[in-house]
Amino acid sequence: MKILKSAVAGTLESSDCMVTVEPGSNGIEFDLESAVIRQYGKQIRKVTLETLGRLGVRNAKVHMVDKGALDCTIKARVECACMRASEHEGRINWGGVIR
């Protein structure tokens, strides 16, 4: 999946996260802001990178502001932001790739 434009998914509400995806040219650049980064930062990064991999995203800048989101929420927000930012917008098969 090729990221063509900047897109955002999610909110800054408690138990959610806001994911911004932008075009990149040097692999995946992941930036995380979270109050629980010391406890869950590795897991958040793992889930995000796995989701990007399943979507076939190879080059992107990803910024996430986490407010205590569960893994399933992180997956959904990353998928949504990538779909909005890619050539798949308008013909989205939600949940078809993410397990």
PDB file of N, CA and C in Angstrom:
ATOM      1  N   MET A   1       0.848  -1.173   0.000  1.00  0.00           N
ATOM      2  CA  MET A   1       0.000   0.000   0.000  1.00  0.00           C
ATOM      3  C   MET A   1       0.890   1.232   0.000  1.00  0.00           C
ATOM      4  N   LYS A   2       0.607   2.147  -0.887  1.00  0.00           N
ATOM      5  CA  LYS A   2       1.379   3.375  -0.981  1.00  0.00           C
ATOM      6  C   LYS A   2       0.627   4.517  -0.312  1.00  0.00           C
ATOM      7  N   ILE A   3       1.301   5.211   0.582  1.00  0.00           N
ATOM      8  CA  ILE A   3       0.718   6.368   1.253  1.00  0.00           C
ATOM      9  C   ILE A   3       0.907   7.578   0.340  1.00  0.00           C
ATOM     10  N   LEU A   4      -0.189   8.179  -0.078  1.00  0.00           N
ATOM     11  CA  LEU A   4      -0.159   9.270  -1.047  1.00  0.00           C
ATOM     12  C   LEU A   4      -0.327  10.652  -0.439  1.00  0.00           C
ATOM     13  N   LYS A   5      -0.982  10.713   0.704  1.00  0.00           N
ATOM     14  CA  LYS A   5      -1.260  12.010   1.321  1.00  0.00           C
ATOM     15  C   LYS A   5      -1.331  11.833   2.834  1.00  0.00           C
ATOM     16  N   SER A   6      -1.388  12.932   3.532  1.00  0.00           N
ATOM     17  CA  SER A   6      -1.511  12.907   4.984  1.00  0.00           C
ATOM     18  C   SER A   6      -2.941  12.583   5.382  1.00  0.00           C
ATOM     19  N   ALA A   7      -3.090  11.768   6.419  1.00  0.00           N
ATOM     20  CA  ALA A   7      -4.426  11.430   6.919  1.00  0.00           C
ATOM     21  C   ALA A   7      -4.363  11.167   8.420  1.00  0.00           C
ATOM     22  N   VAL A   8      -5.488  11.363   9.086  1.00  0.00           N
ATOM     23  CA  VAL A   8      -5.586  11.204  10.533  1.00  0.00           C
ATOM     24  C   VAL A   8      -6.764  10.315  10.862  1.00  0.00           C
ATOM     25  N   ALA A   9      -6.614   9.520  11.925  1.00  0.00           N
ATOM     26  CA  ALA A   9      -7.728   8.730  12.455  1.00  0.00           C
ATOM     27  C   ALA A   9      -7.617   8.719  13.971  1.00  0.00           C
ATOM     28  N   GLY A  10      -8.750   8.732  14.633  1.00  0.00           N
ATOM     29  CA  GLY A  10      -8.782   8.661  16.091  1.00  0.00           C
ATOM     30  C   GLY A  10      -9.032   9.998  16.743  1.00  0.00           C
ATOM     31  N   THR A  11      -9.038   9.958  18.072  1.00  0.00           N
ATOM     32  CA  THR A  11      -9.290  11.159  18.869  1.00  0.00           C
ATOM     33  C   THR A  11      -8.277  11.222  20.004  1.00  0.00           C
ATOM     34  N   LEU A  12      -8.344  12.296  20.755  1.00  0.00           N
ATOM     35  CA  LEU A  12      -7.491  12.444  21.928  1.00  0.00           C
ATOM     36  C   LEU A  12      -8.265  12.160  23.212  1.00  0.00           C
ATOM     37  N   GLU A  13      -9.356  11.445  23.075  1.00  0.00           N
ATOM     38  CA  GLU A  13     -10.155  11.045  24.234  1.00  0.00           C
ATOM     39  C   GLU A  13      -9.457   9.917  24.989  1.00  0.00           C
ATOM     40  N   SER A  14      -9.829   9.731  26.231  1.00  0.00           N
ATOM     41  CA  SER A  14      -9.283   8.643  27.031  1.00  0.00           C
ATOM     42  C   SER A  14      -9.588   7.295  26.376  1.00  0.00           C
ATOM     43  N   SER A  15      -8.651   6.371  26.426  1.00  0.00           N
ATOM     44  CA  SER A  15      -8.767   5.019  25.861  1.00  0.00           C
ATOM     45  C   SER A  15      -8.770   5.002  24.337  1.00  0.00           C
ATOM     46  N   ASP A  16      -8.242   6.042  23.718  1.00  0.00           N
ATOM     47  CA  ASP A  16      -8.161   6.116  22.259  1.00  0.00           C
ATOM     48  C   ASP A  16      -6.746   6.556  21.884  1.00  0.00           C
ATOM     49  N   CYS A  17      -6.496   6.689  20.609  1.00  0.00           N
ATOM     50  CA  CYS A  17      -5.238   7.237  20.126  1.00  0.00           C
ATOM     51  C   CYS A  17      -5.506   7.970  18.824  1.00  0.00           C
ATOM     52  N   MET A  18      -4.673   8.955  18.538  1.00  0.00           N
ATOM     53  CA  MET A  18      -4.769   9.680  17.281  1.00  0.00           C
ATOM     54  C   MET A  18      -3.546   9.323  16.453  1.00  0.00           C
ATOM     55  N   VAL A  19      -3.803   8.804  15.261  1.00  0.00           N
ATOM     56  CA  VAL A  19      -2.734   8.361  14.366  1.00  0.00           C
ATOM     57  C   VAL A  19      -2.704   9.254  13.141  1.00  0.00           C
ATOM     58  N   THR A  20      -1.540   9.806  12.849  1.00  0.00           N
ATOM     59  CA  THR A  20      -1.328  10.592  11.643  1.00  0.00           C
ATOM     60  C   THR A  20      -0.341   9.843  10.760  1.00  0.00           C
ATOM     61  N   VAL A  21      -0.708   9.649   9.496  1.00  0.00           N
ATOM     62  CA  VAL A  21       0.140   8.959   8.529  1.00  0.00           C
ATOM     63  C   VAL A  21       0.440   9.930   7.391  1.00  0.00           C
ATOM     64  N   GLU A  22       1.699  10.000   7.009  1.00  0.00           N
ATOM     65  CA  GLU A  22       2.134  10.866   5.914  1.00  0.00           C
ATOM     66  C   GLU A  22       3.044  10.083   4.982  1.00  0.00           C
ATOM     67  N   PRO A  23       3.161  10.525   3.736  1.00  0.00           N
ATOM     68  CA  PRO A  23       4.093   9.857   2.821  1.00  0.00           C
ATOM     69  C   PRO A  23       5.519   9.925   3.363  1.00  0.00           C
ATOM     70  N   GLY A  24       6.269   8.886   3.118  1.00  0.00           N
ATOM     71  CA  GLY A  24       7.672   8.833   3.522  1.00  0.00           C
ATOM     72  C   GLY A  24       8.491   8.191   2.417  1.00  0.00           C
ATOM     73  N   SER A  25       9.800   8.267   2.544  1.00  0.00           N
ATOM     74  CA  SER A  25      10.656   7.682   1.515  1.00  0.00           C
ATOM     75  C   SER A  25      11.796   6.864   2.099  1.00  0.00           C
ATOM     76  N   ASN A  26      11.812   6.724   3.403  1.00  0.00           N
ATOM     77  CA  ASN A  26      12.925   6.047   4.067  1.00  0.00           C
ATOM     78  C   ASN A  26      12.417   4.988   5.042  1.00  0.00           C
ATOM     79  N   GLY A  27      11.578   4.079   4.574  1.00  0.00           N
ATOM     80  CA  GLY A  27      11.011   3.064   5.454  1.00  0.00           C
ATOM     81  C   GLY A  27       9.925   3.645   6.344  1.00  0.00           C
ATOM     82  N   ILE A  28       9.707   2.999   7.472  1.00  0.00           N
ATOM     83  CA  ILE A  28       8.699   3.454   8.434  1.00  0.00           C
ATOM     84  C   ILE A  28       9.383   4.293   9.498  1.00  0.00           C
ATOM     85  N   GLU A  29       8.931   5.522   9.639  1.00  0.00           N
ATOM     86  CA  GLU A  29       9.397   6.406  10.702  1.00  0.00           C
ATOM     87  C   GLU A  29       8.245   6.534  11.696  1.00  0.00           C
ATOM     88  N   PHE A  30       8.426   5.980  12.898  1.00  0.00           N
ATOM     89  CA  PHE A  30       7.352   5.947  13.892  1.00  0.00           C
ATOM     90  C   PHE A  30       7.711   6.813  15.085  1.00  0.00           C
ATOM     91  N   ASP A  31       6.792   7.718  15.421  1.00  0.00           N
ATOM     92  CA  ASP A  31       6.963   8.624  16.556  1.00  0.00           C
ATOM     93  C   ASP A  31       5.773   8.441  17.487  1.00  0.00           C
ATOM     94  N   LEU A  32       6.035   8.236  18.775  1.00  0.00           N
ATOM     95  CA  LEU A  32       4.975   7.955  19.743  1.00  0.00           C
ATOM     96  C   LEU A  32       5.019   8.937  20.900  1.00  0.00           C
ATOM     97  N   GLU A  33       3.859   9.494  21.221  1.00  0.00           N
ATOM     98  CA  GLU A  33       3.666  10.285  22.439  1.00  0.00           C
ATOM     99  C   GLU A  33       2.668   9.532  23.297  1.00  0.00           C
ATOM    100  N   SER A  34       3.050   9.231  24.531  1.00  0.00           N
ATOM    101  CA  SER A  34       2.148   8.494  25.410  1.00  0.00           C
ATOM    102  C   SER A  34       2.561   8.699  26.858  1.00  0.00           C
ATOM    103  N   ALA A  35       1.569   8.817  27.719  1.00  0.00           N
ATOM    104  CA  ALA A  35       1.838   8.932  29.147  1.00  0.00           C
ATOM    105  C   ALA A  35       2.305   7.596  29.725  1.00  0.00           C
ATOM    106  N   VAL A  36       2.028   6.523  29.023  1.00  0.00           N
ATOM    107  CA  VAL A  36       2.394   5.178  29.505  1.00  0.00           C
ATOM    108  C   VAL A  36       3.473   4.546  28.620  1.00  0.00           C
ATOM    109  N   ILE A  37       4.313   5.383  28.020  1.00  0.00           N
ATOM    110  CA  ILE A  37       5.315   4.880  27.082  1.00  0.00           C
ATOM    111  C   ILE A  37       6.308   3.928  27.764  1.00  0.00           C
ATOM    112  N   ARG A  38       6.637   4.179  29.019  1.00  0.00           N
ATOM    113  CA  ARG A  38       7.582   3.299  29.725  1.00  0.00           C
ATOM    114  C   ARG A  38       7.003   1.911  29.968  1.00  0.00           C
ATOM    115  N   GLN A  39       5.708   1.837  30.232  1.00  0.00           N
ATOM    116  CA  GLN A  39       5.070   0.550  30.498  1.00  0.00           C
ATOM    117  C   GLN A  39       4.673  -0.169  29.212  1.00  0.00           C
ATOM    118  N   TYR A  40       4.147   0.554  28.236  1.00  0.00           N
ATOM    119  CA  TYR A  40       3.532  -0.076  27.061  1.00  0.00           C
ATOM    120  C   TYR A  40       4.103   0.363  25.719  1.00  0.00           C
ATOM    121  N   GLY A  41       5.135   1.172  25.723  1.00  0.00           N
ATOM    122  CA  GLY A  41       5.693   1.692  24.487  1.00  0.00           C
ATOM    123  C   GLY A  41       6.125   0.609  23.510  1.00  0.00           C
ATOM    124  N   LYS A  42       6.790  -0.436  24.006  1.00  0.00           N
ATOM    125  CA  LYS A  42       7.236  -1.526  23.127  1.00  0.00           C
ATOM    126  C   LYS A  42       6.062  -2.256  22.491  1.00  0.00           C
ATOM    127  N   GLN A  43       5.002  -2.485  23.259  1.00  0.00           N
ATOM    128  CA  GLN A  43       3.818  -3.172  22.742  1.00  0.00           C
ATOM    129  C   GLN A  43       3.093  -2.301  21.715  1.00  0.00           C
ATOM    130  N   ILE A  44       2.972  -1.016  21.990  1.00  0.00           N
ATOM    131  CA  ILE A  44       2.315  -0.099  21.051  1.00  0.00           C
ATOM    132  C   ILE A  44       3.087  -0.080  19.732  1.00  0.00           C
ATOM    133  N   ARG A  45       4.398   0.014  19.818  1.00  0.00           N
ATOM    134  CA  ARG A  45       5.242   0.013  18.617  1.00  0.00           C
ATOM    135  C   ARG A  45       5.088  -1.295  17.842  1.00  0.00           C
ATOM    136  N   LYS A  46       5.109  -2.418  18.553  1.00  0.00           N
ATOM    137  CA  LYS A  46       4.974  -3.733  17.930  1.00  0.00           C
ATOM    138  C   LYS A  46       3.650  -3.850  17.175  1.00  0.00           C
ATOM    139  N   VAL A  47       2.554  -3.493  17.823  1.00  0.00           N
ATOM    140  CA  VAL A  47       1.231  -3.585  17.203  1.00  0.00           C
ATOM    141  C   VAL A  47       1.139  -2.668  15.980  1.00  0.00           C
ATOM    142  N   THR A  48       1.674  -1.472  16.102  1.00  0.00           N
ATOM    143  CA  THR A  48       1.635  -0.517  14.988  1.00  0.00           C
ATOM    144  C   THR A  48       2.429  -1.029  13.792  1.00  0.00           C
ATOM    145  N   LEU A  49       3.644  -1.494  14.017  1.00  0.00           N
ATOM    146  CA  LEU A  49       4.484  -1.974  12.924  1.00  0.00           C
ATOM    147  C   LEU A  49       3.931  -3.247  12.291  1.00  0.00           C
ATOM    148  N   GLU A  50       3.345  -4.135  13.100  1.00  0.00           N
ATOM    149  CA  GLU A  50       2.711  -5.343  12.555  1.00  0.00           C
ATOM    150  C   GLU A  50       1.526  -4.967  11.664  1.00  0.00           C
ATOM    151  N   THR A  51       0.735  -4.021  12.109  1.00  0.00           N
ATOM    152  CA  THR A  51      -0.430  -3.587  11.333  1.00  0.00           C
ATOM    153  C   THR A  51       0.004  -2.954  10.017  1.00  0.00           C
ATOM    154  N   LEU A  52       1.006  -2.107  10.065  1.00  0.00           N
ATOM    155  CA  LEU A  52       1.529  -1.504   8.842  1.00  0.00           C
ATOM    156  C   LEU A  52       2.058  -2.579   7.892  1.00  0.00           C
ATOM    157  N   GLY A  53       2.718  -3.584   8.437  1.00  0.00           N
ATOM    158  CA  GLY A  53       3.223  -4.685   7.629  1.00  0.00           C
ATOM    159  C   GLY A  53       2.119  -5.466   6.949  1.00  0.00           C
ATOM    160  N   ARG A  54       1.058  -5.751   7.691  1.00  0.00           N
ATOM    161  CA  ARG A  54      -0.077  -6.487   7.106  1.00  0.00           C
ATOM    162  C   ARG A  54      -0.776  -5.683   6.021  1.00  0.00           C
ATOM    163  N   LEU A  55      -0.732  -4.370   6.146  1.00  0.00           N
ATOM    164  CA  LEU A  55      -1.332  -3.499   5.131  1.00  0.00           C
ATOM    165  C   LEU A  55      -0.402  -3.302   3.930  1.00  0.00           C
ATOM    166  N   GLY A  56       0.834  -3.722   4.062  1.00  0.00           N
ATOM    167  CA  GLY A  56       1.783  -3.574   2.969  1.00  0.00           C
ATOM    168  C   GLY A  56       2.387  -2.185   2.867  1.00  0.00           C
ATOM    169  N   VAL A  57       2.356  -1.438   3.955  1.00  0.00           N
ATOM    170  CA  VAL A  57       2.948  -0.098   3.974  1.00  0.00           C
ATOM    171  C   VAL A  57       4.451  -0.246   4.193  1.00  0.00           C
ATOM    172  N   ARG A  58       5.242   0.273   3.260  1.00  0.00           N
ATOM    173  CA  ARG A  58       6.702   0.149   3.336  1.00  0.00           C
ATOM    174  C   ARG A  58       7.386   1.474   3.647  1.00  0.00           C
ATOM    175  N   ASN A  59       6.792   2.570   3.224  1.00  0.00           N
ATOM    176  CA  ASN A  59       7.359   3.903   3.439  1.00  0.00           C
ATOM    177  C   ASN A  59       6.280   4.837   3.964  1.00  0.00           C
ATOM    178  N   ALA A  60       6.480   5.336   5.182  1.00  0.00           N
ATOM    179  CA  ALA A  60       5.506   6.261   5.765  1.00  0.00           C
ATOM    180  C   ALA A  60       6.086   6.897   7.023  1.00  0.00           C
ATOM    181  N   LYS A  61       5.581   8.072   7.322  1.00  0.00           N
ATOM    182  CA  LYS A  61       5.855   8.716   8.599  1.00  0.00           C
ATOM    183  C   LYS A  61       4.584   8.557   9.423  1.00  0.00           C
ATOM    184  N   VAL A  62       4.716   7.957  10.579  1.00  0.00           N
ATOM    185  CA  VAL A  62       3.563   7.686  11.438  1.00  0.00           C
ATOM    186  C   VAL A  62       3.789   8.359  12.785  1.00  0.00           C
ATOM    187  N   HIS A  63       2.828   9.177  13.173  1.00  0.00           N
ATOM    188  CA  HIS A  63       2.879   9.839  14.478  1.00  0.00           C
ATOM    189  C   HIS A  63       1.635   9.405  15.253  1.00  0.00           C
ATOM    190  N   MET A  64       1.842   8.947  16.485  1.00  0.00           N
ATOM    191  CA  MET A  64       0.715   8.511  17.307  1.00  0.00           C
ATOM    192  C   MET A  64       0.748   9.231  18.651  1.00  0.00           C
ATOM    193  N   VAL A  65      -0.419   9.727  19.048  1.00  0.00           N
ATOM    194  CA  VAL A  65      -0.616  10.265  20.388  1.00  0.00           C
ATOM    195  C   VAL A  65      -1.559   9.293  21.080  1.00  0.00           C
ATOM    196  N   ASP A  66      -1.029   8.556  22.035  1.00  0.00           N
ATOM    197  CA  ASP A  66      -1.788   7.504  22.723  1.00  0.00           C
ATOM    198  C   ASP A  66      -2.381   8.029  24.022  1.00  0.00           C
ATOM    199  N   LYS A  67      -3.628   7.669  24.246  1.00  0.00           N
ATOM    200  CA  LYS A  67      -4.323   8.032  25.483  1.00  0.00           C
ATOM    201  C   LYS A  67      -4.847   6.773  26.182  1.00  0.00           C
ATOM    202  N   GLY A  68      -4.066   5.695  26.095  1.00  0.00           N
ATOM    203  CA  GLY A  68      -4.445   4.461  26.772  1.00  0.00           C
ATOM    204  C   GLY A  68      -5.232   3.499  25.909  1.00  0.00           C
ATOM    205  N   ALA A  69      -5.001   3.526  24.609  1.00  0.00           N
ATOM    206  CA  ALA A  69      -5.743   2.671  23.679  1.00  0.00           C
ATOM    207  C   ALA A  69      -5.330   1.209  23.816  1.00  0.00           C
ATOM    208  N   LEU A  70      -6.300   0.334  23.673  1.00  0.00           N
ATOM    209  CA  LEU A  70      -6.034  -1.104  23.630  1.00  0.00           C
ATOM    210  C   LEU A  70      -5.486  -1.477  22.255  1.00  0.00           C
ATOM    211  N   ASP A  71      -4.905  -2.664  22.146  1.00  0.00           N
ATOM    212  CA  ASP A  71      -4.333  -3.121  20.882  1.00  0.00           C
ATOM    213  C   ASP A  71      -5.338  -3.069  19.734  1.00  0.00           C
ATOM    214  N   CYS A  72      -6.573  -3.499  19.987  1.00  0.00           N
ATOM    215  CA  CYS A  72      -7.583  -3.516  18.927  1.00  0.00           C
ATOM    216  C   CYS A  72      -7.886  -2.103  18.432  1.00  0.00           C
ATOM    217  N   THR A  73      -7.852  -1.134  19.310  1.00  0.00           N
ATOM    218  CA  THR A  73      -8.087   0.254  18.925  1.00  0.00           C
ATOM    219  C   THR A  73      -6.920   0.790  18.115  1.00  0.00           C
ATOM    220  N   ILE A  74      -5.712   0.455  18.523  1.00  0.00           N
ATOM    221  CA  ILE A  74      -4.520   0.881  17.779  1.00  0.00           C
ATOM    222  C   ILE A  74      -4.569   0.325  16.364  1.00  0.00           C
ATOM    223  N   LYS A  75      -4.890  -0.956  16.222  1.00  0.00           N
ATOM    224  CA  LYS A  75      -4.981  -1.583  14.898  1.00  0.00           C
ATOM    225  C   LYS A  75      -6.014  -0.870  14.030  1.00  0.00           C
ATOM    226  N   ALA A  76      -7.175  -0.590  14.602  1.00  0.00           N
ATOM    227  CA  ALA A  76      -8.251   0.062  13.845  1.00  0.00           C
ATOM    228  C   ALA A  76      -7.856   1.470  13.410  1.00  0.00           C
ATOM    229  N   ARG A  77      -7.211   2.223  14.293  1.00  0.00           N
ATOM    230  CA  ARG A  77      -6.816   3.599  13.963  1.00  0.00           C
ATOM    231  C   ARG A  77      -5.718   3.626  12.906  1.00  0.00           C
ATOM    232  N   VAL A  78      -4.751   2.711  13.010  1.00  0.00           N
ATOM    233  CA  VAL A  78      -3.685   2.654  12.009  1.00  0.00           C
ATOM    234  C   VAL A  78      -4.266   2.258  10.656  1.00  0.00           C
ATOM    235  N   GLU A  79      -5.138   1.254  10.644  1.00  0.00           N
ATOM    236  CA  GLU A  79      -5.773   0.820   9.393  1.00  0.00           C
ATOM    237  C   GLU A  79      -6.567   1.959   8.758  1.00  0.00           C
ATOM    238  N   CYS A  80      -7.350   2.645   9.540  1.00  0.00           N
ATOM    239  CA  CYS A  80      -8.183   3.734   9.026  1.00  0.00           C
ATOM    240  C   CYS A  80      -7.327   4.862   8.453  1.00  0.00           C
ATOM    241  N   ALA A  81      -6.305   5.283   9.191  1.00  0.00           N
ATOM    242  CA  ALA A  81      -5.450   6.365   8.703  1.00  0.00           C
ATOM    243  C   ALA A  81      -4.756   5.965   7.401  1.00  0.00           C
ATOM    244  N   CYS A  82      -4.294   4.727   7.317  1.00  0.00           N
ATOM    245  CA  CYS A  82      -3.614   4.267   6.096  1.00  0.00           C
ATOM    246  C   CYS A  82      -4.581   4.189   4.918  1.00  0.00           C
ATOM    247  N   MET A  83      -5.770   3.698   5.145  1.00  0.00           N
ATOM    248  CA  MET A  83      -6.756   3.629   4.068  1.00  0.00           C
ATOM    249  C   MET A  83      -7.107   5.027   3.561  1.00  0.00           C
ATOM    250  N   ARG A  84      -7.264   5.967   4.478  1.00  0.00           N
ATOM    251  CA  ARG A  84      -7.573   7.342   4.085  1.00  0.00           C
ATOM    252  C   ARG A  84      -6.420   7.980   3.306  1.00  0.00           C
ATOM    253  N   ALA A  85      -5.198   7.590   3.625  1.00  0.00           N
ATOM    254  CA  ALA A  85      -4.013   8.198   3.019  1.00  0.00           C
ATOM    255  C   ALA A  85      -3.569   7.519   1.731  1.00  0.00           C
ATOM    256  N   SER A  86      -4.196   6.419   1.372  1.00  0.00           N
ATOM    257  CA  SER A  86      -3.722   5.623   0.233  1.00  0.00           C
ATOM    258  C   SER A  86      -4.652   5.687  -0.963  1.00  0.00           C
ATOM    259  N   GLU A  87      -4.276   4.951  -1.975  1.00  0.00           N
ATOM    260  CA  GLU A  87      -5.090   4.845  -3.185  1.00  0.00           C
ATOM    261  C   GLU A  87      -6.350   4.011  -2.961  1.00  0.00           C
ATOM    262  N   HIS A  88      -6.491   3.416  -1.792  1.00  0.00           N
ATOM    263  CA  HIS A  88      -7.650   2.578  -1.501  1.00  0.00           C
ATOM    264  C   HIS A  88      -8.873   3.375  -1.059  1.00  0.00           C
ATOM    265  N   GLU A  89      -8.709   4.666  -0.846  1.00  0.00           N
ATOM    266  CA  GLU A  89      -9.836   5.478  -0.397  1.00  0.00           C
ATOM    267  C   GLU A  89     -10.969   5.396  -1.416  1.00  0.00           C
ATOM    268  N   GLY A  90     -12.163   5.158  -0.950  1.00  0.00           N
ATOM    269  CA  GLY A  90     -13.317   5.032  -1.828  1.00  0.00           C
ATOM    270  C   GLY A  90     -13.721   3.591  -2.093  1.00  0.00           C
ATOM    271  N   ARG A  91     -12.796   2.674  -1.899  1.00  0.00           N
ATOM    272  CA  ARG A  91     -13.095   1.236  -2.066  1.00  0.00           C
ATOM    273  C   ARG A  91     -12.430   0.466  -0.935  1.00  0.00           C
ATOM    274  N   ILE A  92     -12.869   0.752   0.258  1.00  0.00           N
ATOM    275  CA  ILE A  92     -12.245   0.217   1.461  1.00  0.00           C
ATOM    276  C   ILE A  92     -12.928  -1.073   1.897  1.00  0.00           C
ATOM    277  N   ASN A  93     -12.124  -2.099   2.107  1.00  0.00           N
ATOM    278  CA  ASN A  93     -12.580  -3.367   2.637  1.00  0.00           C
ATOM    279  C   ASN A  93     -12.175  -3.409   4.119  1.00  0.00           C
ATOM    280  N   TRP A  94     -12.948  -2.757   4.958  1.00  0.00           N
ATOM    281  CA  TRP A  94     -12.587  -2.613   6.369  1.00  0.00           C
ATOM    282  C   TRP A  94     -12.408  -3.960   7.031  1.00  0.00           C
ATOM    283  N   GLY A  95     -11.313  -4.072   7.757  1.00  0.00           N
ATOM    284  CA  GLY A  95     -11.052  -5.268   8.536  1.00  0.00           C
ATOM    285  C   GLY A  95     -10.633  -6.484   7.711  1.00  0.00           C
ATOM    286  N   GLY A  96     -10.464  -6.297   6.415  1.00  0.00           N
ATOM    287  CA  GLY A  96     -10.125  -7.432   5.560  1.00  0.00           C
ATOM    288  C   GLY A  96      -8.697  -7.907   5.725  1.00  0.00           C
ATOM    289  N   VAL A  97      -7.796  -7.049   6.156  1.00  0.00           N
ATOM    290  CA  VAL A  97      -6.385  -7.399   6.272  1.00  0.00           C
ATOM    291  C   VAL A  97      -5.973  -7.600   7.721  1.00  0.00           C
ATOM    292  N   ILE A  98      -6.529  -6.826   8.593  1.00  0.00           N
ATOM    293  CA  ILE A  98      -6.114  -6.841   9.986  1.00  0.00           C
ATOM    294  C   ILE A  98      -6.746  -8.026  10.719  1.00  0.00           C
ATOM    295  N   ARG A  99      -5.900  -8.713  11.482  1.00  0.00           N
ATOM    296  CA  ARG A  99      -6.384  -9.876  12.254  1.00  0.00           C
ATOM    297  C   ARG A  99      -6.379  -9.552  13.725  1.00  0.00           C
TER     298      ARG A  99
END
